[in-house]
Structures are given as structure tokens and as C-alpha cells.
């Protein structure tokens, strides 16, 4: 659904409609990160989805603690992206800084 919405924005921009990408994309990515952050602690231990490395695969306790911490980080970065996107003050330096934090 996220990619479908982005494709619609691209198509409408190509057709001549003026859609502010600097407003819509950061807010959508922020919402997506918030949703992922809320889902991440509920992910069962597996080999496909989540933070997968030697330590998380070996121990269930480490898996849960890692995903709980990463969920907080995703939610905080998502909220920052969402708020900065709504205020239209986001630029490449802010985006790169938030991605490095993430």
C-alpha cells in the first residue's frame, strides 16, 4: 500500500498536478516506521524478519530485548520524521542524520 501510494504521487506529478513530495513522503515514512516499531516486539524468533545476528539467534532473551530497544528507536525516529514532514522543515541533512540514528 505504501509503494502504491508513492506510485500514485509520481503519476499525478507526471500528469501536472502539484503535490508536495517534501510534505507527503516524510510523513508517510514516519507513519510506516511507527507501525513497524509497534510490530517489531511482537515478532517471534525467526530467520527472516527482525534483527538477525549471532547473538539474537542464540538467545530468546536477547532477541526480545533487542527488538524492544529497536522498536523504541523506530518509533522515535518515525515521530520525528512525521512531525518534521508536517512542518515541512525536513532537508537532506536531517534525513541522513535520522537514517544514521536508525
PDB file of N, CA and C in Angstrom:
ATOM      1  N   UNK A   1       0.834  -1.192   0.000  1.00  0.00           N
ATOM      2  CA  UNK A   1       0.000   0.000   0.000  1.00  0.00           C
ATOM      3  C   UNK A   1       0.874   1.249   0.000  1.00  0.00           C
ATOM      4  N   UNK A   2       1.991   1.181   0.732  1.00  0.00           N
ATOM      5  CA  UNK A   2       2.898   2.327   0.790  1.00  0.00           C
ATOM      6  C   UNK A   2       3.478   2.634  -0.583  1.00  0.00           C
ATOM      7  N   UNK A   3       3.972   1.605  -1.253  1.00  0.00           N
ATOM      8  CA  UNK A   3       4.539   1.809  -2.593  1.00  0.00           C
ATOM      9  C   UNK A   3       3.478   2.226  -3.601  1.00  0.00           C
ATOM     10  N   UNK A   4       2.282   1.703  -3.475  1.00  0.00           N
ATOM     11  CA  UNK A   4       1.185   2.082  -4.356  1.00  0.00           C
ATOM     12  C   UNK A   4       0.890   3.572  -4.227  1.00  0.00           C
ATOM     13  N   UNK A   5       0.883   4.076  -3.002  1.00  0.00           N
ATOM     14  CA  UNK A   5       0.636   5.494  -2.783  1.00  0.00           C
ATOM     15  C   UNK A   5       1.755   6.349  -3.373  1.00  0.00           C
ATOM     16  N   UNK A   6       2.993   5.890  -3.240  1.00  0.00           N
ATOM     17  CA  UNK A   6       4.116   6.624  -3.836  1.00  0.00           C
ATOM     18  C   UNK A   6       4.005   6.631  -5.355  1.00  0.00           C
ATOM     19  N   UNK A   7       3.603   5.504  -5.946  1.00  0.00           N
ATOM     20  CA  UNK A   7       3.424   5.453  -7.393  1.00  0.00           C
ATOM     21  C   UNK A   7       2.330   6.414  -7.843  1.00  0.00           C
ATOM     22  N   UNK A   8       1.264   6.528  -7.063  1.00  0.00           N
ATOM     23  CA  UNK A   8       0.201   7.482  -7.389  1.00  0.00           C
ATOM     24  C   UNK A   8       0.714   8.921  -7.352  1.00  0.00           C
ATOM     25  N   UNK A   9       1.552   9.234  -6.379  1.00  0.00           N
ATOM     26  CA  UNK A   9       2.130  10.574  -6.304  1.00  0.00           C
ATOM     27  C   UNK A   9       2.981  10.846  -7.535  1.00  0.00           C
ATOM     28  N   UNK A  10       3.779   9.871  -7.947  1.00  0.00           N
ATOM     29  CA  UNK A  10       4.626  10.036  -9.142  1.00  0.00           C
ATOM     30  C   UNK A  10       3.763  10.235 -10.376  1.00  0.00           C
ATOM     31  N   UNK A  11       2.709   9.449 -10.514  1.00  0.00           N
ATOM     32  CA  UNK A  11       1.834   9.566 -11.685  1.00  0.00           C
ATOM     33  C   UNK A  11       1.138  10.922 -11.711  1.00  0.00           C
ATOM     34  N   UNK A  12       0.618  11.370 -10.565  1.00  0.00           N
ATOM     35  CA  UNK A  12      -0.054  12.669 -10.526  1.00  0.00           C
ATOM     36  C   UNK A  12       0.912  13.818 -10.795  1.00  0.00           C
ATOM     37  N   UNK A  13       2.157  13.696 -10.310  1.00  0.00           N
ATOM     38  CA  UNK A  13       3.156  14.723 -10.635  1.00  0.00           C
ATOM     39  C   UNK A  13       3.455  14.735 -12.125  1.00  0.00           C
ATOM     40  N   UNK A  14       3.522  13.559 -12.738  1.00  0.00           N
ATOM     41  CA  UNK A  14       3.789  13.483 -14.179  1.00  0.00           C
ATOM     42  C   UNK A  14       2.625  14.046 -14.993  1.00  0.00           C
ATOM     43  N   UNK A  15       1.408  13.945 -14.476  1.00  0.00           N
ATOM     44  CA  UNK A  15       0.237  14.473 -15.171  1.00  0.00           C
ATOM     45  C   UNK A  15       0.062  15.976 -14.970  1.00  0.00           C
ATOM     46  N   UNK A  16       0.892  16.578 -14.131  1.00  0.00           N
ATOM     47  CA  UNK A  16       0.845  18.026 -13.966  1.00  0.00           C
ATOM     48  C   UNK A  16       0.229  18.516 -12.684  1.00  0.00           C
ATOM     49  N   UNK A  17      -0.227  17.615 -11.827  1.00  0.00           N
ATOM     50  CA  UNK A  17      -0.777  18.039 -10.541  1.00  0.00           C
ATOM     51  C   UNK A  17       0.364  18.400  -9.602  1.00  0.00           C
ATOM     52  N   UNK A  18       0.176  19.446  -8.839  1.00  0.00           N
ATOM     53  CA  UNK A  18       1.215  19.891  -7.921  1.00  0.00           C
ATOM     54  C   UNK A  18       1.009  19.246  -6.560  1.00  0.00           C
ATOM     55  N   UNK A  19       1.805  18.225  -6.278  1.00  0.00           N
ATOM     56  CA  UNK A  19       1.744  17.524  -4.995  1.00  0.00           C
ATOM     57  C   UNK A  19       3.087  17.729  -4.303  1.00  0.00           C
ATOM     58  N   UNK A  20       3.045  18.194  -3.068  1.00  0.00           N
ATOM     59  CA  UNK A  20       4.261  18.462  -2.318  1.00  0.00           C
ATOM     60  C   UNK A  20       4.857  17.159  -1.793  1.00  0.00           C
ATOM     61  N   UNK A  21       5.886  16.716  -2.464  1.00  0.00           N
ATOM     62  CA  UNK A  21       6.552  15.473  -2.067  1.00  0.00           C
ATOM     63  C   UNK A  21       7.306  15.666  -0.758  1.00  0.00           C
ATOM     64  N   UNK A  22       7.817  16.871  -0.513  1.00  0.00           N
ATOM     65  CA  UNK A  22       8.538  17.148   0.730  1.00  0.00           C
ATOM     66  C   UNK A  22       7.628  17.100   1.946  1.00  0.00           C
ATOM     67  N   UNK A  23       6.326  17.171   1.734  1.00  0.00           N
ATOM     68  CA  UNK A  23       5.366  17.065   2.829  1.00  0.00           C
ATOM     69  C   UNK A  23       4.866  15.636   2.995  1.00  0.00           C
ATOM     70  N   UNK A  24       4.551  14.974   1.897  1.00  0.00           N
ATOM     71  CA  UNK A  24       3.877  13.676   1.953  1.00  0.00           C
ATOM     72  C   UNK A  24       4.828  12.527   2.273  1.00  0.00           C
ATOM     73  N   UNK A  25       5.961  12.460   1.599  1.00  0.00           N
ATOM     74  CA  UNK A  25       6.859  11.309   1.753  1.00  0.00           C
ATOM     75  C   UNK A  25       7.421  11.190   3.176  1.00  0.00           C
ATOM     76  N   UNK A  26       7.957  12.258   3.796  1.00  0.00           N
ATOM     77  CA  UNK A  26       8.448  12.081   5.178  1.00  0.00           C
ATOM     78  C   UNK A  26       7.359  11.706   6.166  1.00  0.00           C
ATOM     79  N   UNK A  27       6.158  12.262   5.984  1.00  0.00           N
ATOM     80  CA  UNK A  27       5.080  11.894   6.901  1.00  0.00           C
ATOM     81  C   UNK A  27       4.687  10.437   6.720  1.00  0.00           C
ATOM     82  N   UNK A  28       4.657   9.958   5.478  1.00  0.00           N
ATOM     83  CA  UNK A  28       4.317   8.552   5.234  1.00  0.00           C
ATOM     84  C   UNK A  28       5.394   7.619   5.766  1.00  0.00           C
ATOM     85  N   UNK A  29       6.652   7.972   5.568  1.00  0.00           N
ATOM     86  CA  UNK A  29       7.741   7.138   6.072  1.00  0.00           C
ATOM     87  C   UNK A  29       7.734   7.136   7.594  1.00  0.00           C
ATOM     88  N   UNK A  30       7.438   8.284   8.195  1.00  0.00           N
ATOM     89  CA  UNK A  30       7.315   8.350   9.649  1.00  0.00           C
ATOM     90  C   UNK A  30       6.215   7.439  10.163  1.00  0.00           C
ATOM     91  N   UNK A  31       5.061   7.461   9.504  1.00  0.00           N
ATOM     92  CA  UNK A  31       3.967   6.568   9.904  1.00  0.00           C
ATOM     93  C   UNK A  31       4.348   5.105   9.718  1.00  0.00           C
ATOM     94  N   UNK A  32       5.044   4.800   8.629  1.00  0.00           N
ATOM     95  CA  UNK A  32       5.482   3.429   8.381  1.00  0.00           C
ATOM     96  C   UNK A  32       6.457   2.959   9.460  1.00  0.00           C
ATOM     97  N   UNK A  33       7.380   3.824   9.866  1.00  0.00           N
ATOM     98  CA  UNK A  33       8.328   3.461  10.926  1.00  0.00           C
ATOM     99  C   UNK A  33       7.617   3.265  12.256  1.00  0.00           C
ATOM    100  N   UNK A  34       6.600   4.069  12.526  1.00  0.00           N
ATOM    101  CA  UNK A  34       5.833   3.903  13.763  1.00  0.00           C
ATOM    102  C   UNK A  34       5.108   2.561  13.764  1.00  0.00           C
ATOM    103  N   UNK A  35       4.524   2.195  12.639  1.00  0.00           N
ATOM    104  CA  UNK A  35       3.826   0.913  12.543  1.00  0.00           C
ATOM    105  C   UNK A  35       4.815  -0.248  12.707  1.00  0.00           C
ATOM    106  N   UNK A  36       5.961  -0.161  12.040  1.00  0.00           N
ATOM    107  CA  UNK A  36       6.972  -1.215  12.169  1.00  0.00           C
ATOM    108  C   UNK A  36       7.487  -1.285  13.607  1.00  0.00           C
ATOM    109  N   UNK A  37       7.690  -0.126  14.230  1.00  0.00           N
ATOM    110  CA  UNK A  37       8.151  -0.094  15.612  1.00  0.00           C
ATOM    111  C   UNK A  37       7.163  -0.730  16.571  1.00  0.00           C
ATOM    112  N   UNK A  38       5.878  -0.565  16.303  1.00  0.00           N
ATOM    113  CA  UNK A  38       4.877  -1.200  17.152  1.00  0.00           C
ATOM    114  C   UNK A  38       4.789  -2.702  16.912  1.00  0.00           C
ATOM    115  N   UNK A  39       5.106  -3.146  15.726  1.00  0.00           N
ATOM    116  CA  UNK A  39       5.015  -4.569  15.394  1.00  0.00           C
ATOM    117  C   UNK A  39       6.272  -5.347  15.794  1.00  0.00           C
ATOM    118  N   UNK A  40       7.409  -4.685  15.804  1.00  0.00           N
ATOM    119  CA  UNK A  40       8.688  -5.370  15.996  1.00  0.00           C
ATOM    120  C   UNK A  40       8.794  -6.175  17.296  1.00  0.00           C
ATOM    121  N   UNK A  41       8.354  -5.687  18.450  1.00  0.00           N
ATOM    122  CA  UNK A  41       8.484  -6.521  19.664  1.00  0.00           C
ATOM    123  C   UNK A  41       7.623  -7.777  19.631  1.00  0.00           C
ATOM    124  N   UNK A  42       6.633  -7.817  18.767  1.00  0.00           N
ATOM    125  CA  UNK A  42       5.734  -8.972  18.699  1.00  0.00           C
ATOM    126  C   UNK A  42       6.221 -10.037  17.709  1.00  0.00           C
ATOM    127  N   UNK A  43       7.309  -9.752  17.002  1.00  0.00           N
ATOM    128  CA  UNK A  43       7.829 -10.703  16.011  1.00  0.00           C
ATOM    129  C   UNK A  43       8.443 -11.892  16.731  1.00  0.00           C
ATOM    130  N   UNK A  44       7.983 -13.100  16.406  1.00  0.00           N
ATOM    131  CA  UNK A  44       8.610 -14.270  17.037  1.00  0.00           C
ATOM    132  C   UNK A  44      10.004 -14.505  16.458  1.00  0.00           C
ATOM    133  N   UNK A  45      10.795 -15.244  17.182  1.00  0.00           N
ATOM    134  CA  UNK A  45      12.155 -15.545  16.743  1.00  0.00           C
ATOM    135  C   UNK A  45      12.110 -16.345  15.447  1.00  0.00           C
ATOM    136  N   UNK A  46      12.782 -15.829  14.406  1.00  0.00           N
ATOM    137  CA  UNK A  46      12.793 -16.479  13.106  1.00  0.00           C
ATOM    138  C   UNK A  46      14.069 -16.107  12.357  1.00  0.00           C
ATOM    139  N   UNK A  47      14.218 -16.596  11.148  1.00  0.00           N
ATOM    140  CA  UNK A  47      15.404 -16.320  10.339  1.00  0.00           C
ATOM    141  C   UNK A  47      15.129 -15.361   9.188  1.00  0.00           C
ATOM    142  N   UNK A  48      13.946 -14.745   9.161  1.00  0.00           N
ATOM    143  CA  UNK A  48      13.570 -13.910   8.030  1.00  0.00           C
ATOM    144  C   UNK A  48      13.355 -12.452   8.404  1.00  0.00           C
ATOM    145  N   UNK A  49      12.649 -12.211   9.490  1.00  0.00           N
ATOM    146  CA  UNK A  49      12.217 -10.864   9.838  1.00  0.00           C
ATOM    147  C   UNK A  49      12.782 -10.460  11.186  1.00  0.00           C
ATOM    148  N   UNK A  50      13.320  -9.247  11.265  1.00  0.00           N
ATOM    149  CA  UNK A  50      13.831  -8.733  12.522  1.00  0.00           C
ATOM    150  C   UNK A  50      15.326  -8.511  12.481  1.00  0.00           C
ATOM    151  N   UNK A  51      15.877  -8.223  13.629  1.00  0.00           N
ATOM    152  CA  UNK A  51      17.319  -8.028  13.769  1.00  0.00           C
ATOM    153  C   UNK A  51      17.929  -9.410  13.950  1.00  0.00           C
ATOM    154  N   UNK A  52      18.616  -9.873  12.927  1.00  0.00           N
ATOM    155  CA  UNK A  52      19.114 -11.241  12.925  1.00  0.00           C
ATOM    156  C   UNK A  52      20.644 -11.209  12.925  1.00  0.00           C
ATOM    157  N   UNK A  53      21.228 -11.665  14.008  1.00  0.00           N
ATOM    158  CA  UNK A  53      22.670 -11.860  14.079  1.00  0.00           C
ATOM    159  C   UNK A  53      22.948 -13.034  15.008  1.00  0.00           C
ATOM    160  N   UNK A  54      24.201 -13.304  15.270  1.00  0.00           N
ATOM    161  CA  UNK A  54      24.582 -14.486  16.044  1.00  0.00           C
ATOM    162  C   UNK A  54      23.986 -14.456  17.451  1.00  0.00           C
ATOM    163  N   UNK A  55      24.012 -13.288  18.099  1.00  0.00           N
ATOM    164  CA  UNK A  55      23.580 -13.201  19.490  1.00  0.00           C
ATOM    165  C   UNK A  55      22.060 -13.308  19.616  1.00  0.00           C
ATOM    166  N   UNK A  56      21.332 -12.692  18.699  1.00  0.00           N
ATOM    167  CA  UNK A  56      19.868 -12.766  18.802  1.00  0.00           C
ATOM    168  C   UNK A  56      19.354 -14.143  18.413  1.00  0.00           C
ATOM    169  N   UNK A  57      20.059 -14.837  17.542  1.00  0.00           N
ATOM    170  CA  UNK A  57      19.628 -16.178  17.145  1.00  0.00           C
ATOM    171  C   UNK A  57      19.897 -17.204  18.242  1.00  0.00           C
ATOM    172  N   UNK A  58      20.913 -16.959  19.067  1.00  0.00           N
ATOM    173  CA  UNK A  58      21.282 -17.918  20.100  1.00  0.00           C
ATOM    174  C   UNK A  58      20.410 -17.857  21.349  1.00  0.00           C
ATOM    175  N   UNK A  59      19.861 -16.675  21.659  1.00  0.00           N
ATOM    176  CA  UNK A  59      19.205 -16.497  22.941  1.00  0.00           C
ATOM    177  C   UNK A  59      17.865 -15.785  22.758  1.00  0.00           C
ATOM    178  N   UNK A  60      16.799 -16.363  23.289  1.00  0.00           N
ATOM    179  CA  UNK A  60      15.457 -15.780  23.193  1.00  0.00           C
ATOM    180  C   UNK A  60      15.364 -14.462  23.965  1.00  0.00           C
ATOM    181  N   UNK A  61      16.024 -14.375  25.118  1.00  0.00           N
ATOM    182  CA  UNK A  61      16.009 -13.156  25.928  1.00  0.00           C
ATOM    183  C   UNK A  61      16.649 -11.993  25.177  1.00  0.00           C
ATOM    184  N   UNK A  62      17.780 -12.264  24.536  1.00  0.00           N
ATOM    185  CA  UNK A  62      18.469 -11.230  23.752  1.00  0.00           C
ATOM    186  C   UNK A  62      17.611 -10.811  22.562  1.00  0.00           C
ATOM    187  N   UNK A  63      16.938 -11.762  21.926  1.00  0.00           N
ATOM    188  CA  UNK A  63      16.039 -11.453  20.809  1.00  0.00           C
ATOM    189  C   UNK A  63      14.957 -10.456  21.248  1.00  0.00           C
ATOM    190  N   UNK A  64      14.312 -10.729  22.374  1.00  0.00           N
ATOM    191  CA  UNK A  64      13.223  -9.866  22.848  1.00  0.00           C
ATOM    192  C   UNK A  64      13.725  -8.496  23.267  1.00  0.00           C
ATOM    193  N   UNK A  65      14.830  -8.451  23.990  1.00  0.00           N
ATOM    194  CA  UNK A  65      15.376  -7.166  24.427  1.00  0.00           C
ATOM    195  C   UNK A  65      15.840  -6.321  23.248  1.00  0.00           C
ATOM    196  N   UNK A  66      16.474  -6.948  22.267  1.00  0.00           N
ATOM    197  CA  UNK A  66      16.942  -6.224  21.080  1.00  0.00           C
ATOM    198  C   UNK A  66      15.772  -5.625  20.314  1.00  0.00           C
ATOM    199  N   UNK A  67      14.736  -6.399  20.117  1.00  0.00           N
ATOM    200  CA  UNK A  67      13.597  -5.915  19.351  1.00  0.00           C
ATOM    201  C   UNK A  67      12.793  -4.866  20.119  1.00  0.00           C
ATOM    202  N   UNK A  68      12.793  -4.944  21.424  1.00  0.00           N
ATOM    203  CA  UNK A  68      12.127  -3.908  22.213  1.00  0.00           C
ATOM    204  C   UNK A  68      12.880  -2.582  22.092  1.00  0.00           C
ATOM    205  N   UNK A  69      14.212  -2.616  22.169  1.00  0.00           N
ATOM    206  CA  UNK A  69      15.019  -1.401  22.031  1.00  0.00           C
ATOM    207  C   UNK A  69      14.880  -0.809  20.631  1.00  0.00           C
ATOM    208  N   UNK A  70      14.980  -1.663  19.622  1.00  0.00           N
ATOM    209  CA  UNK A  70      14.872  -1.195  18.238  1.00  0.00           C
ATOM    210  C   UNK A  70      13.479  -0.625  17.969  1.00  0.00           C
ATOM    211  N   UNK A  71      12.463  -1.173  18.602  1.00  0.00           N
ATOM    212  CA  UNK A  71      11.106  -0.653  18.438  1.00  0.00           C
ATOM    213  C   UNK A  71      11.023   0.777  18.953  1.00  0.00           C
ATOM    214  N   UNK A  72      11.621   1.060  20.110  1.00  0.00           N
ATOM    215  CA  UNK A  72      11.625   2.427  20.629  1.00  0.00           C
ATOM    216  C   UNK A  72      12.331   3.376  19.667  1.00  0.00           C
ATOM    217  N   UNK A  73      13.450   2.942  19.121  1.00  0.00           N
ATOM    218  CA  UNK A  73      14.200   3.790  18.190  1.00  0.00           C
ATOM    219  C   UNK A  73      13.384   4.050  16.930  1.00  0.00           C
ATOM    220  N   UNK A  74      12.746   3.019  16.385  1.00  0.00           N
ATOM    221  CA  UNK A  74      11.902   3.186  15.197  1.00  0.00           C
ATOM    222  C   UNK A  74      10.768   4.172  15.470  1.00  0.00           C
ATOM    223  N   UNK A  75      10.136   4.057  16.627  1.00  0.00           N
ATOM    224  CA  UNK A  75       9.011   4.933  16.945  1.00  0.00           C
ATOM    225  C   UNK A  75       9.481   6.370  17.118  1.00  0.00           C
ATOM    226  N   UNK A  76      10.600   6.586  17.785  1.00  0.00           N
ATOM    227  CA  UNK A  76      11.109   7.947  17.976  1.00  0.00           C
ATOM    228  C   UNK A  76      11.494   8.572  16.640  1.00  0.00           C
ATOM    229  N   UNK A  77      12.232   7.839  15.810  1.00  0.00           N
ATOM    230  CA  UNK A  77      12.622   8.371  14.503  1.00  0.00           C
ATOM    231  C   UNK A  77      11.389   8.585  13.633  1.00  0.00           C
ATOM    232  N   UNK A  78      10.417   7.682  13.704  1.00  0.00           N
ATOM    233  CA  UNK A  78       9.175   7.843  12.953  1.00  0.00           C
ATOM    234  C   UNK A  78       8.408   9.081  13.371  1.00  0.00           C
ATOM    235  N   UNK A  79       8.327   9.328  14.671  1.00  0.00           N
ATOM    236  CA  UNK A  79       7.651  10.537  15.151  1.00  0.00           C
ATOM    237  C   UNK A  79       8.374  11.797  14.696  1.00  0.00           C
ATOM    238  N   UNK A  80       9.708  11.780  14.763  1.00  0.00           N
ATOM    239  CA  UNK A  80      10.467  12.940  14.297  1.00  0.00           C
ATOM    240  C   UNK A  80      10.238  13.192  12.809  1.00  0.00           C
ATOM    241  N   UNK A  81      10.290  12.138  12.001  1.00  0.00           N
ATOM    242  CA  UNK A  81      10.041  12.301  10.567  1.00  0.00           C
ATOM    243  C   UNK A  81       8.628  12.800  10.304  1.00  0.00           C
ATOM    244  N   UNK A  82       7.663  12.266  11.023  1.00  0.00           N
ATOM    245  CA  UNK A  82       6.275  12.666  10.841  1.00  0.00           C
ATOM    246  C   UNK A  82       6.076  14.141  11.193  1.00  0.00           C
ATOM    247  N   UNK A  83       6.596  14.555  12.337  1.00  0.00           N
ATOM    248  CA  UNK A  83       6.432  15.947  12.768  1.00  0.00           C
ATOM    249  C   UNK A  83       7.190  16.904  11.851  1.00  0.00           C
ATOM    250  N   UNK A  84       8.431  16.568  11.509  1.00  0.00           N
ATOM    251  CA  UNK A  84       9.200  17.436  10.620  1.00  0.00           C
ATOM    252  C   UNK A  84       8.596  17.479   9.224  1.00  0.00           C
ATOM    253  N   UNK A  85       7.999  16.375   8.788  1.00  0.00           N
ATOM    254  CA  UNK A  85       7.315  16.367   7.499  1.00  0.00           C
ATOM    255  C   UNK A  85       6.079  17.245   7.509  1.00  0.00           C
ATOM    256  N   UNK A  86       5.326  17.215   8.616  1.00  0.00           N
ATOM    257  CA  UNK A  86       4.144  18.073   8.732  1.00  0.00           C
ATOM    258  C   UNK A  86       4.521  19.548   8.752  1.00  0.00           C
ATOM    259  N   UNK A  87       5.649  19.855   9.383  1.00  0.00           N
ATOM    260  CA  UNK A  87       6.101  21.244   9.455  1.00  0.00           C
ATOM    261  C   UNK A  87       6.852  21.684   8.201  1.00  0.00           C
ATOM    262  N   UNK A  88       7.155  20.741   7.314  1.00  0.00           N
ATOM    263  CA  UNK A  88       7.902  20.991   6.064  1.00  0.00           C
ATOM    264  C   UNK A  88       9.265  21.631   6.318  1.00  0.00           C
ATOM    265  N   UNK A  89       9.933  21.193   7.358  1.00  0.00           N
ATOM    266  CA  UNK A  89      11.273  21.701   7.656  1.00  0.00           C
ATOM    267  C   UNK A  89      12.338  20.631   7.443  1.00  0.00           C
ATOM    268  N   UNK A  90      11.974  19.551   6.797  1.00  0.00           N
ATOM    269  CA  UNK A  90      12.914  18.454   6.613  1.00  0.00           C
ATOM    270  C   UNK A  90      13.798  18.722   5.400  1.00  0.00           C
ATOM    271  N   UNK A  91      15.078  18.392   5.531  1.00  0.00           N
ATOM    272  CA  UNK A  91      16.020  18.509   4.417  1.00  0.00           C
ATOM    273  C   UNK A  91      16.924  17.285   4.415  1.00  0.00           C
ATOM    274  N   UNK A  92      17.875  17.260   3.517  1.00  0.00           N
ATOM    275  CA  UNK A  92      18.705  16.064   3.369  1.00  0.00           C
ATOM    276  C   UNK A  92      19.605  15.826   4.577  1.00  0.00           C
ATOM    277  N   UNK A  93      20.085  16.876   5.229  1.00  0.00           N
ATOM    278  CA  UNK A  93      20.949  16.704   6.398  1.00  0.00           C
ATOM    279  C   UNK A  93      20.164  16.059   7.537  1.00  0.00           C
ATOM    280  N   UNK A  94      18.949  16.518   7.766  1.00  0.00           N
ATOM    281  CA  UNK A  94      18.106  15.938   8.814  1.00  0.00           C
ATOM    282  C   UNK A  94      17.767  14.496   8.480  1.00  0.00           C
ATOM    283  N   UNK A  95      17.429  14.233   7.229  1.00  0.00           N
ATOM    284  CA  UNK A  95      17.065  12.881   6.819  1.00  0.00           C
ATOM    285  C   UNK A  95      18.238  11.922   6.987  1.00  0.00           C
ATOM    286  N   UNK A  96      19.418  12.311   6.546  1.00  0.00           N
ATOM    287  CA  UNK A  96      20.602  11.454   6.674  1.00  0.00           C
ATOM    288  C   UNK A  96      20.934  11.220   8.143  1.00  0.00           C
ATOM    289  N   UNK A  97      20.803  12.257   8.978  1.00  0.00           N
ATOM    290  CA  UNK A  97      21.065  12.102  10.413  1.00  0.00           C
ATOM    291  C   UNK A  97      20.097  11.108  11.040  1.00  0.00           C
ATOM    292  N   UNK A  98      18.814  11.186  10.683  1.00  0.00           N
ATOM    293  CA  UNK A  98      17.835  10.262  11.250  1.00  0.00           C
ATOM    294  C   UNK A  98      18.056   8.843  10.751  1.00  0.00           C
ATOM    295  N   UNK A  99      18.482   8.689   9.506  1.00  0.00           N
ATOM    296  CA  UNK A  99      18.759   7.346   8.977  1.00  0.00           C
ATOM    297  C   UNK A  99      19.978   6.750   9.681  1.00  0.00           C
ATOM    298  N   UNK A 100      20.996   7.566   9.974  1.00  0.00           N
ATOM    299  CA  UNK A 100      22.159   7.060  10.695  1.00  0.00           C
ATOM    300  C   UNK A 100      21.757   6.638  12.103  1.00  0.00           C
ATOM    301  N   UNK A 101      20.897   7.407  12.762  1.00  0.00           N
ATOM    302  CA  UNK A 101      20.404   7.022  14.081  1.00  0.00           C
ATOM    303  C   UNK A 101      19.629   5.716  13.993  1.00  0.00           C
ATOM    304  N   UNK A 102      18.821   5.594  12.967  1.00  0.00           N
ATOM    305  CA  UNK A 102      18.003   4.392  12.790  1.00  0.00           C
ATOM    306  C   UNK A 102      18.866   3.182  12.543  1.00  0.00           C
TER     307      UNK A 102
END
